[in-house]
Full PDB file with SEQRES, HELIX, SHEET, SSBOND, CRYST1, ORIGX, SCALE, CONECT and MASTER records, all heavy atoms in Angstrom:
SEQRES   1 A   35  LYS GLN LYS ILE GLU LYS GLY GLU ALA LYS ILE VAL SER          
SEQRES   2 A   35  SER VAL SER GLY LYS ARG LYS GLU TYR SER ILE ASN ILE          
SEQRES   3 A   35  ILE GLU LEU ASP TYR ASN SER GLU ASN                          
SHEET    1 AA1 2 GLY A   7  SER A  13  0                                        
SHEET    2 AA1 2 LYS A  20  ILE A  26 -1                                        
CRYST1    1.000    1.000    1.000  90.00  90.00  90.00 P 1           1          
ORIGX1      1.000000  0.000000  0.000000        0.00000                         
ORIGX2      0.000000  1.000000  0.000000        0.00000                         
ORIGX3      0.000000  0.000000  1.000000        0.00000                         
SCALE1      1.000000  0.000000  0.000000        0.00000                         
SCALE2      0.000000  1.000000  0.000000        0.00000                         
SCALE3      0.000000  0.000000  1.000000        0.00000                         
ATOM      1  N   LYS A   1    -133.459 -20.236-162.440  1.00  0.00           N  
ATOM      2  CA  LYS A   1    -133.223 -20.776-163.782  1.00  0.00           C  
ATOM      3  C   LYS A   1    -134.085 -21.990-164.119  1.00  0.00           C  
ATOM      4  O   LYS A   1    -134.437 -22.193-165.286  1.00  0.00           O  
ATOM      5  CB  LYS A   1    -131.745 -21.104-163.981  1.00  0.00           C  
ATOM      6  CG  LYS A   1    -131.145 -22.060-162.975  1.00  0.00           C  
ATOM      7  CD  LYS A   1    -129.629 -22.077-163.111  1.00  0.00           C  
ATOM      8  CE  LYS A   1    -128.966 -22.903-162.036  1.00  0.00           C  
ATOM      9  NZ  LYS A   1    -127.495 -22.770-162.054  1.00  0.00           N  
ATOM     10  N   GLN A   2    -134.449 -22.798-163.110  1.00  0.00           N  
ATOM     11  CA  GLN A   2    -135.277 -23.970-163.407  1.00  0.00           C  
ATOM     12  C   GLN A   2    -136.709 -23.586-163.779  1.00  0.00           C  
ATOM     13  O   GLN A   2    -137.465 -24.410-164.291  1.00  0.00           O  
ATOM     14  CB  GLN A   2    -135.287 -24.953-162.233  1.00  0.00           C  
ATOM     15  CG  GLN A   2    -135.831 -24.399-160.938  1.00  0.00           C  
ATOM     16  CD  GLN A   2    -134.731 -23.856-160.040  1.00  0.00           C  
ATOM     17  OE1 GLN A   2    -133.647 -23.548-160.496  1.00  0.00           O  
ATOM     18  NE2 GLN A   2    -135.018 -23.756-158.762  1.00  0.00           N  
ATOM     19  N   LYS A   3    -137.091 -22.327-163.550  1.00  0.00           N  
ATOM     20  CA  LYS A   3    -138.430 -21.859-163.904  1.00  0.00           C  
ATOM     21  C   LYS A   3    -138.464 -21.207-165.287  1.00  0.00           C  
ATOM     22  O   LYS A   3    -139.539 -20.890-165.802  1.00  0.00           O  
ATOM     23  CB  LYS A   3    -138.907 -20.845-162.860  1.00  0.00           C  
ATOM     24  CG  LYS A   3    -139.139 -21.408-161.467  1.00  0.00           C  
ATOM     25  CD  LYS A   3    -140.408 -22.226-161.413  1.00  0.00           C  
ATOM     26  CE  LYS A   3    -140.721 -22.687-159.994  1.00  0.00           C  
ATOM     27  NZ  LYS A   3    -141.079 -21.587-159.085  1.00  0.00           N  
ATOM     28  N   ILE A   4    -137.309 -20.983-165.878  1.00  0.00           N  
ATOM     29  CA  ILE A   4    -137.251 -20.316-167.177  1.00  0.00           C  
ATOM     30  C   ILE A   4    -137.627 -21.295-168.282  1.00  0.00           C  
ATOM     31  O   ILE A   4    -137.220 -22.454-168.269  1.00  0.00           O  
ATOM     32  CB  ILE A   4    -135.840 -19.735-167.426  1.00  0.00           C  
ATOM     33  CG1 ILE A   4    -135.473 -18.747-166.311  1.00  0.00           C  
ATOM     34  CG2 ILE A   4    -135.771 -19.034-168.772  1.00  0.00           C  
ATOM     35  CD1 ILE A   4    -134.036 -18.260-166.376  1.00  0.00           C  
ATOM     36  N   GLU A   5    -138.381 -20.814-169.245  1.00  0.00           N  
ATOM     37  CA  GLU A   5    -138.846 -21.658-170.341  1.00  0.00           C  
ATOM     38  C   GLU A   5    -138.268 -21.180-171.667  1.00  0.00           C  
ATOM     39  O   GLU A   5    -138.029 -19.991-171.862  1.00  0.00           O  
ATOM     40  CB  GLU A   5    -140.381 -21.606-170.430  1.00  0.00           C  
ATOM     41  CG  GLU A   5    -141.092 -22.012-169.149  1.00  0.00           C  
ATOM     42  CD  GLU A   5    -142.580 -21.699-169.199  1.00  0.00           C  
ATOM     43  OE1 GLU A   5    -143.010 -21.053-170.184  1.00  0.00           O  
ATOM     44  OE2 GLU A   5    -143.295 -22.093-168.272  1.00  0.00           O  
ATOM     45  N   LYS A   6    -138.042 -22.127-172.570  1.00  0.00           N  
ATOM     46  CA  LYS A   6    -137.708 -21.744-173.930  1.00  0.00           C  
ATOM     47  C   LYS A   6    -138.947 -21.109-174.562  1.00  0.00           C  
ATOM     48  O   LYS A   6    -140.072 -21.488-174.258  1.00  0.00           O  
ATOM     49  CB  LYS A   6    -137.264 -22.955-174.749  1.00  0.00           C  
ATOM     50  CG  LYS A   6    -135.960 -23.580-174.286  1.00  0.00           C  
ATOM     51  CD  LYS A   6    -135.603 -24.778-175.153  1.00  0.00           C  
ATOM     52  CE  LYS A   6    -134.346 -25.469-174.664  1.00  0.00           C  
ATOM     53  NZ  LYS A   6    -134.015 -26.662-175.473  1.00  0.00           N  
ATOM     54  N   GLY A   7    -138.706 -20.142-175.454  1.00  0.00           N  
ATOM     55  CA  GLY A   7    -139.841 -19.491-176.102  1.00  0.00           C  
ATOM     56  C   GLY A   7    -139.861 -17.999-175.845  1.00  0.00           C  
ATOM     57  O   GLY A   7    -138.812 -17.369-175.637  1.00  0.00           O  
ATOM     58  N   GLU A   8    -141.036 -17.425-175.837  1.00  0.00           N  
ATOM     59  CA  GLU A   8    -141.186 -15.972-175.794  1.00  0.00           C  
ATOM     60  C   GLU A   8    -140.710 -15.358-174.481  1.00  0.00           C  
ATOM     61  O   GLU A   8    -140.901 -15.899-173.407  1.00  0.00           O  
ATOM     62  CB  GLU A   8    -142.648 -15.591-176.031  1.00  0.00           C  
ATOM     63  CG  GLU A   8    -143.160 -15.926-177.423  1.00  0.00           C  
ATOM     64  CD  GLU A   8    -144.606 -15.484-177.624  1.00  0.00           C  
ATOM     65  OE1 GLU A   8    -145.174 -14.870-176.702  1.00  0.00           O  
ATOM     66  OE2 GLU A   8    -145.152 -15.757-178.700  1.00  0.00           O  
ATOM     67  N   ALA A   9    -140.083 -14.182-174.611  1.00  0.00           N  
ATOM     68  CA  ALA A   9    -139.652 -13.386-173.470  1.00  0.00           C  
ATOM     69  C   ALA A   9    -139.515 -11.942-173.958  1.00  0.00           C  
ATOM     70  O   ALA A   9    -139.784 -11.635-175.123  1.00  0.00           O  
ATOM     71  CB  ALA A   9    -138.347 -13.914-172.891  1.00  0.00           C  
ATOM     72  N   LYS A  10    -139.097 -11.062-173.065  1.00  0.00           N  
ATOM     73  CA  LYS A  10    -138.933  -9.647-173.404  1.00  0.00           C  
ATOM     74  C   LYS A  10    -137.590  -9.153-172.884  1.00  0.00           C  
ATOM     75  O   LYS A  10    -137.108  -9.610-171.844  1.00  0.00           O  
ATOM     76  CB  LYS A  10    -140.039  -8.795-172.762  1.00  0.00           C  
ATOM     77  CG  LYS A  10    -141.459  -9.191-173.132  1.00  0.00           C  
ATOM     78  CD  LYS A  10    -141.843  -8.651-174.487  1.00  0.00           C  
ATOM     79  CE  LYS A  10    -143.338  -8.903-174.761  1.00  0.00           C  
ATOM     80  NZ  LYS A  10    -143.738  -8.373-176.084  1.00  0.00           N  
ATOM     81  N   ILE A  11    -136.959  -8.218-173.617  1.00  0.00           N  
ATOM     82  CA  ILE A  11    -135.843  -7.475-173.043  1.00  0.00           C  
ATOM     83  C   ILE A  11    -136.278  -6.024-172.903  1.00  0.00           C  
ATOM     84  O   ILE A  11    -137.075  -5.518-173.703  1.00  0.00           O  
ATOM     85  CB  ILE A  11    -134.548  -7.581-173.882  1.00  0.00           C  
ATOM     86  CG1 ILE A  11    -134.739  -7.040-175.300  1.00  0.00           C  
ATOM     87  CG2 ILE A  11    -134.031  -8.994-173.908  1.00  0.00           C  
ATOM     88  CD1 ILE A  11    -133.431  -6.981-176.075  1.00  0.00           C  
ATOM     89  N   VAL A  12    -135.779  -5.385-171.864  1.00  0.00           N  
ATOM     90  CA  VAL A  12    -136.124  -3.994-171.577  1.00  0.00           C  
ATOM     91  C   VAL A  12    -134.931  -3.119-171.934  1.00  0.00           C  
ATOM     92  O   VAL A  12    -133.820  -3.345-171.448  1.00  0.00           O  
ATOM     93  CB  VAL A  12    -136.488  -3.803-170.089  1.00  0.00           C  
ATOM     94  CG1 VAL A  12    -136.916  -2.365-169.827  1.00  0.00           C  
ATOM     95  CG2 VAL A  12    -137.581  -4.777-169.674  1.00  0.00           C  
ATOM     96  N   SER A  13    -135.162  -2.124-172.794  1.00  0.00           N  
ATOM     97  CA  SER A  13    -134.062  -1.273-173.247  1.00  0.00           C  
ATOM     98  C   SER A  13    -134.571   0.125-173.556  1.00  0.00           C  
ATOM     99  O   SER A  13    -135.760   0.324-173.848  1.00  0.00           O  
ATOM    100  CB  SER A  13    -133.398  -1.879-174.496  1.00  0.00           C  
ATOM    101  OG  SER A  13    -132.377  -1.034-174.981  1.00  0.00           O  
ATOM    102  N   SER A  14    -133.650   1.080-173.477  1.00  0.00           N  
ATOM    103  CA  SER A  14    -133.969   2.475-173.787  1.00  0.00           C  
ATOM    104  C   SER A  14    -133.237   2.948-175.034  1.00  0.00           C  
ATOM    105  O   SER A  14    -132.966   4.146-175.188  1.00  0.00           O  
ATOM    106  CB  SER A  14    -133.607   3.373-172.599  1.00  0.00           C  
ATOM    107  OG  SER A  14    -134.296   2.990-171.435  1.00  0.00           O  
ATOM    108  N   VAL A  15    -132.900   2.021-175.949  1.00  0.00           N  
ATOM    109  CA  VAL A  15    -132.139   2.397-177.139  1.00  0.00           C  
ATOM    110  C   VAL A  15    -132.896   3.391-178.024  1.00  0.00           C  
ATOM    111  O   VAL A  15    -132.291   4.155-178.771  1.00  0.00           O  
ATOM    112  CB  VAL A  15    -131.750   1.158-177.976  1.00  0.00           C  
ATOM    113  CG1 VAL A  15    -130.640   0.383-177.305  1.00  0.00           C  
ATOM    114  CG2 VAL A  15    -132.963   0.271-178.238  1.00  0.00           C  
ATOM    115  N   SER A  16    -134.224   3.404-177.945  1.00  0.00           N  
ATOM    116  CA  SER A  16    -135.016   4.324-178.766  1.00  0.00           C  
ATOM    117  C   SER A  16    -135.097   5.714-178.148  1.00  0.00           C  
ATOM    118  O   SER A  16    -135.606   6.645-178.778  1.00  0.00           O  
ATOM    119  CB  SER A  16    -136.435   3.778-178.944  1.00  0.00           C  
ATOM    120  OG  SER A  16    -137.143   3.815-177.708  1.00  0.00           O  
ATOM    121  N   GLY A  17    -134.575   5.855-176.934  1.00  0.00           N  
ATOM    122  CA  GLY A  17    -134.721   7.106-176.195  1.00  0.00           C  
ATOM    123  C   GLY A  17    -135.782   7.000-175.123  1.00  0.00           C  
ATOM    124  O   GLY A  17    -135.846   7.827-174.214  1.00  0.00           O  
ATOM    125  N   LYS A  18    -136.619   5.978-175.221  1.00  0.00           N  
ATOM    126  CA  LYS A  18    -137.638   5.699-174.223  1.00  0.00           C  
ATOM    127  C   LYS A  18    -137.510   4.241-173.777  1.00  0.00           C  
ATOM    128  O   LYS A  18    -137.137   3.377-174.546  1.00  0.00           O  
ATOM    129  CB  LYS A  18    -139.040   5.935-174.785  1.00  0.00           C  
ATOM    130  CG  LYS A  18    -139.342   7.384-175.129  1.00  0.00           C  
ATOM    131  CD  LYS A  18    -140.774   7.542-175.631  1.00  0.00           C  
ATOM    132  CE  LYS A  18    -141.096   8.995-175.951  1.00  0.00           C  
ATOM    133  NZ  LYS A  18    -142.495   9.150-176.453  1.00  0.00           N  
ATOM    134  N   ARG A  19    -137.853   4.010-172.531  1.00  0.00           N  
ATOM    135  CA  ARG A  19    -137.784   2.656-171.994  1.00  0.00           C  
ATOM    136  C   ARG A  19    -138.919   1.821-172.586  1.00  0.00           C  
ATOM    137  O   ARG A  19    -140.088   2.148-172.426  1.00  0.00           O  
ATOM    138  CB  ARG A  19    -137.889   2.706-170.465  1.00  0.00           C  
ATOM    139  CG  ARG A  19    -137.756   1.368-169.763  1.00  0.00           C  
ATOM    140  CD  ARG A  19    -137.958   1.547-168.264  1.00  0.00           C  
ATOM    141  NE  ARG A  19    -137.839   0.283-167.566  1.00  0.00           N  
ATOM    142  CZ  ARG A  19    -138.813  -0.622-167.474  1.00  0.00           C  
ATOM    143  NH1 ARG A  19    -139.967  -0.401-168.070  1.00  0.00           N  
ATOM    144  NH2 ARG A  19    -138.619  -1.744-166.796  1.00  0.00           N  
ATOM    145  N   LYS A  20    -138.550   0.730-173.270  1.00  0.00           N  
ATOM    146  CA  LYS A  20    -139.540  -0.121-173.922  1.00  0.00           C  
ATOM    147  C   LYS A  20    -139.198  -1.586-173.719  1.00  0.00           C  
ATOM    148  O   LYS A  20    -138.056  -1.943-173.422  1.00  0.00           O  
ATOM    149  CB  LYS A  20    -139.607   0.173-175.428  1.00  0.00           C  
ATOM    150  CG  LYS A  20    -140.168   1.530-175.796  1.00  0.00           C  
ATOM    151  CD  LYS A  20    -140.304   1.652-177.316  1.00  0.00           C  
ATOM    152  CE  LYS A  20    -140.929   2.975-177.714  1.00  0.00           C  
ATOM    153  NZ  LYS A  20    -141.109   3.067-179.190  1.00  0.00           N  
ATOM    154  N   GLU A  21    -140.215  -2.437-173.922  1.00  0.00           N  
ATOM    155  CA  GLU A  21    -140.015  -3.876-173.899  1.00  0.00           C  
ATOM    156  C   GLU A  21    -140.044  -4.400-175.334  1.00  0.00           C  
ATOM    157  O   GLU A  21    -140.917  -4.020-176.122  1.00  0.00           O  
ATOM    158  CB  GLU A  21    -141.108  -4.565-173.072  1.00  0.00           C  
ATOM    159  CG  GLU A  21    -141.058  -4.202-171.592  1.00  0.00           C  
ATOM    160  CD  GLU A  21    -142.114  -4.925-170.776  1.00  0.00           C  
ATOM    161  OE1 GLU A  21    -142.851  -5.765-171.366  1.00  0.00           O  
ATOM    162  OE2 GLU A  21    -142.215  -4.661-169.562  1.00  0.00           O  
ATOM    163  N   TYR A  22    -139.063  -5.265-175.660  1.00  0.00           N  
ATOM    164  CA  TYR A  22    -138.948  -5.805-177.013  1.00  0.00           C  
ATOM    165  C   TYR A  22    -139.000  -7.331-176.968  1.00  0.00           C  
ATOM    166  O   TYR A  22    -138.437  -7.960-176.065  1.00  0.00           O  
ATOM    167  CB  TYR A  22    -137.634  -5.354-177.653  1.00  0.00           C  
ATOM    168  CG  TYR A  22    -137.514  -3.853-177.819  1.00  0.00           C  
ATOM    169  CD1 TYR A  22    -136.781  -3.105-176.904  1.00  0.00           C  
ATOM    170  CD2 TYR A  22    -138.122  -3.197-178.882  1.00  0.00           C  
ATOM    171  CE1 TYR A  22    -136.658  -1.728-177.046  1.00  0.00           C  
ATOM    172  CE2 TYR A  22    -138.009  -1.820-179.047  1.00  0.00           C  
ATOM    173  CZ  TYR A  22    -137.273  -1.087-178.126  1.00  0.00           C  
ATOM    174  OH  TYR A  22    -137.163   0.279-178.270  1.00  0.00           O  
ATOM    175  N   SER A  23    -139.638  -7.930-177.962  1.00  0.00           N  
ATOM    176  CA  SER A  23    -139.838  -9.379-177.989  1.00  0.00           C  
ATOM    177  C   SER A  23    -138.561 -10.115-178.400  1.00  0.00           C  
ATOM    178  O   SER A  23    -137.859  -9.706-179.322  1.00  0.00           O  
ATOM    179  CB  SER A  23    -140.949  -9.739-178.978  1.00  0.00           C  
ATOM    180  OG  SER A  23    -142.167  -9.150-178.589  1.00  0.00           O  
ATOM    181  N   ILE A  24    -138.301 -11.220-177.703  1.00  0.00           N  
ATOM    182  CA  ILE A  24    -137.207 -12.128-178.065  1.00  0.00           C  
ATOM    183  C   ILE A  24    -137.715 -13.558-177.958  1.00  0.00           C  
ATOM    184  O   ILE A  24    -138.786 -13.814-177.408  1.00  0.00           O  
ATOM    185  CB  ILE A  24    -135.974 -11.953-177.149  1.00  0.00           C  
ATOM    186  CG1 ILE A  24    -136.327 -12.293-175.690  1.00  0.00           C  
ATOM    187  CG2 ILE A  24    -135.405 -10.549-177.262  1.00  0.00           C  
ATOM    188  CD1 ILE A  24    -135.137 -12.353-174.766  1.00  0.00           C  
ATOM    189  N   ASN A  25    -136.937 -14.486-178.476  1.00  0.00           N  
ATOM    190  CA  ASN A  25    -137.244 -15.907-178.370  1.00  0.00           C  
ATOM    191  C   ASN A  25    -136.058 -16.621-177.728  1.00  0.00           C  
ATOM    192  O   ASN A  25    -134.933 -16.568-178.245  1.00  0.00           O  
ATOM    193  CB  ASN A  25    -137.522 -16.511-179.751  1.00  0.00           C  
ATOM    194  CG  ASN A  25    -137.890 -17.980-179.665  1.00  0.00           C  
ATOM    195  OD1 ASN A  25    -138.858 -18.347-179.001  1.00  0.00           O  
ATOM    196  ND2 ASN A  25    -137.122 -18.831-180.339  1.00  0.00           N  
ATOM    197  N   ILE A  26    -136.282 -17.246-176.578  1.00  0.00           N  
ATOM    198  CA  ILE A  26    -135.213 -17.993-175.900  1.00  0.00           C  
ATOM    199  C   ILE A  26    -135.030 -19.328-176.608  1.00  0.00           C  
ATOM    200  O   ILE A  26    -135.964 -20.123-176.725  1.00  0.00           O  
ATOM    201  CB  ILE A  26    -135.526 -18.198-174.415  1.00  0.00           C  
ATOM    202  CG1 ILE A  26    -135.567 -16.833-173.703  1.00  0.00           C  
ATOM    203  CG2 ILE A  26    -134.493 -19.111-173.757  1.00  0.00           C  
ATOM    204  CD1 ILE A  26    -135.961 -16.906-172.239  1.00  0.00           C  
ATOM    205  N   ILE A  27    -133.801 -19.579-177.088  1.00  0.00           N  
ATOM    206  CA  ILE A  27    -133.502 -20.760-177.899  1.00  0.00           C  
ATOM    207  C   ILE A  27    -132.947 -21.902-177.056  1.00  0.00           C  
ATOM    208  O   ILE A  27    -133.363 -23.052-177.178  1.00  0.00           O  
ATOM    209  CB  ILE A  27    -132.495 -20.412-179.011  1.00  0.00           C  
ATOM    210  CG1 ILE A  27    -133.034 -19.261-179.877  1.00  0.00           C  
ATOM    211  CG2 ILE A  27    -132.172 -21.623-179.872  1.00  0.00           C  
ATOM    212  CD1 ILE A  27    -131.978 -18.683-180.825  1.00  0.00           C  
ATOM    213  N   GLU A  28    -131.954 -21.597-176.209  1.00  0.00           N  
ATOM    214  CA  GLU A  28    -131.294 -22.622-175.403  1.00  0.00           C  
ATOM    215  C   GLU A  28    -131.010 -22.088-174.011  1.00  0.00           C  
ATOM    216  O   GLU A  28    -130.886 -20.871-173.797  1.00  0.00           O  
ATOM    217  CB  GLU A  28    -129.975 -23.070-176.050  1.00  0.00           C  
ATOM    218  CG  GLU A  28    -130.130 -23.818-177.370  1.00  0.00           C  
ATOM    219  CD  GLU A  28    -130.746 -25.198-177.218  1.00  0.00           C  
ATOM    220  OE1 GLU A  28    -130.775 -25.707-176.072  1.00  0.00           O  
ATOM    221  OE2 GLU A  28    -131.200 -25.749-178.230  1.00  0.00           O  
ATOM    222  N   LEU A  29    -130.876 -23.033-173.055  1.00  0.00           N  
ATOM    223  CA  LEU A  29    -130.521 -22.695-171.678  1.00  0.00           C  
ATOM    224  C   LEU A  29    -129.340 -23.561-171.252  1.00  0.00           C  
ATOM    225  O   LEU A  29    -129.364 -24.776-171.444  1.00  0.00           O  
ATOM    226  CB  LEU A  29    -131.709 -22.934-170.735  1.00  0.00           C  
ATOM    227  CG  LEU A  29    -132.957 -22.085-170.994  1.00  0.00           C  
ATOM    228  CD1 LEU A  29    -134.144 -22.625-170.215  1.00  0.00           C  
ATOM    229  CD2 LEU A  29    -132.700 -20.628-170.618  1.00  0.00           C  
ATOM    230  N   ASP A  30    -128.312 -22.924-170.708  1.00  0.00           N  
ATOM    231  CA  ASP A  30    -127.132 -23.634-170.207  1.00  0.00           C  
ATOM    232  C   ASP A  30    -127.018 -23.332-168.719  1.00  0.00           C  
ATOM    233  O   ASP A  30    -126.556 -22.267-168.322  1.00  0.00           O  
ATOM    234  CB  ASP A  30    -125.875 -23.180-170.953  1.00  0.00           C  
ATOM    235  CG  ASP A  30    -124.615 -23.895-170.479  1.00  0.00           C  
ATOM    236  OD1 ASP A  30    -124.704 -24.677-169.512  1.00  0.00           O  
ATOM    237  OD2 ASP A  30    -123.541 -23.658-171.063  1.00  0.00           O  
ATOM    238  N   TYR A  31    -127.458 -24.281-167.889  1.00  0.00           N  
ATOM    239  CA  TYR A  31    -127.540 -24.040-166.451  1.00  0.00           C  
ATOM    240  C   TYR A  31    -126.188 -23.880-165.771  1.00  0.00           C  
ATOM    241  O   TYR A  31    -126.104 -23.415-164.642  1.00  0.00           O  
ATOM    242  CB  TYR A  31    -128.312 -25.177-165.778  1.00  0.00           C  
ATOM    243  CG  TYR A  31    -129.756 -25.273-166.212  1.00  0.00           C  
ATOM    244  CD1 TYR A  31    -130.321 -26.494-166.552  1.00  0.00           C  
ATOM    245  CD2 TYR A  31    -130.557 -24.135-166.273  1.00  0.00           C  
ATOM    246  CE1 TYR A  31    -131.650 -26.584-166.957  1.00  0.00           C  
ATOM    247  CE2 TYR A  31    -131.885 -24.212-166.668  1.00  0.00           C  
ATOM    248  CZ  TYR A  31    -132.415 -25.436-167.015  1.00  0.00           C  
ATOM    249  OH  TYR A  31    -133.732 -25.522-167.413  1.00  0.00           O  
ATOM    250  N   ASN A  32    -125.098 -24.288-166.444  1.00  0.00           N  
ATOM    251  CA  ASN A  32    -123.781 -24.227-165.823  1.00  0.00           C  
ATOM    252  C   ASN A  32    -122.964 -23.010-166.244  1.00  0.00           C  
ATOM    253  O   ASN A  32    -121.854 -22.816-165.757  1.00  0.00           O  
ATOM    254  CB  ASN A  32    -122.993 -25.496-166.139  1.00  0.00           C  
ATOM    255  CG  ASN A  32    -123.537 -26.715-165.413  1.00  0.00           C  
ATOM    256  OD1 ASN A  32    -123.865 -26.640-164.237  1.00  0.00           O  
ATOM    257  ND2 ASN A  32    -123.673 -27.819-166.119  1.00  0.00           N  
ATOM    258  N   SER A  33    -123.478 -22.201-167.145  1.00  0.00           N  
ATOM    259  CA  SER A  33    -122.728 -21.044-167.612  1.00  0.00           C  
ATOM    260  C   SER A  33    -122.802 -19.904-166.606  1.00  0.00           C  
ATOM    261  O   SER A  33    -123.845 -19.663-165.995  1.00  0.00           O  
ATOM    262  CB  SER A  33    -123.264 -20.567-168.964  1.00  0.00           C  
ATOM    263  OG  SER A  33    -122.611 -19.396-169.384  1.00  0.00           O  
ATOM    264  N   GLU A  34    -121.690 -19.192-166.470  1.00  0.00           N  
ATOM    265  CA  GLU A  34    -121.646 -18.088-165.505  1.00  0.00           C  
ATOM    266  C   GLU A  34    -122.430 -16.880-165.995  1.00  0.00           C  
ATOM    267  O   GLU A  34    -123.232 -16.320-165.254  1.00  0.00           O  
ATOM    268  CB  GLU A  34    -120.193 -17.687-165.232  1.00  0.00           C  
ATOM    269  CG  GLU A  34    -120.050 -16.649-164.131  1.00  0.00           C  
ATOM    270  CD  GLU A  34    -118.599 -16.409-163.754  1.00  0.00           C  
ATOM    271  OE1 GLU A  34    -117.734 -16.420-164.645  1.00  0.00           O  
ATOM    272  OE2 GLU A  34    -118.330 -16.202-162.569  1.00  0.00           O  
ATOM    273  N   ASN A  35    -122.197 -16.455-167.235  1.00  0.00           N  
ATOM    274  CA  ASN A  35    -122.948 -15.292-167.731  1.00  0.00           C  
ATOM    275  C   ASN A  35    -123.394 -15.429-169.189  1.00  0.00           C  
ATOM    276  O   ASN A  35    -123.669 -14.434-169.856  1.00  0.00           O  
ATOM    277  CB  ASN A  35    -122.154 -13.994-167.541  1.00  0.00           C  
ATOM    278  CG  ASN A  35    -120.806 -14.007-168.216  1.00  0.00           C  
ATOM    279  OD1 ASN A  35    -120.518 -14.854-169.064  1.00  0.00           O  
ATOM    280  ND2 ASN A  35    -119.954 -13.065-167.848  1.00  0.00           N  
TER     281      ASN A  35                                                      
MASTER        0    0    0    0    2    0    0    6  280    1    0    3          
END                                                                             
């Protein structure tokens, strides 16, 4: 978690029927949260 940066990242999902990577933007990080 200490290596994670706010900003661009990707999520991997097969919602389209094919496995793809989709762009997201990381807004905040809470190091004490469980999930």
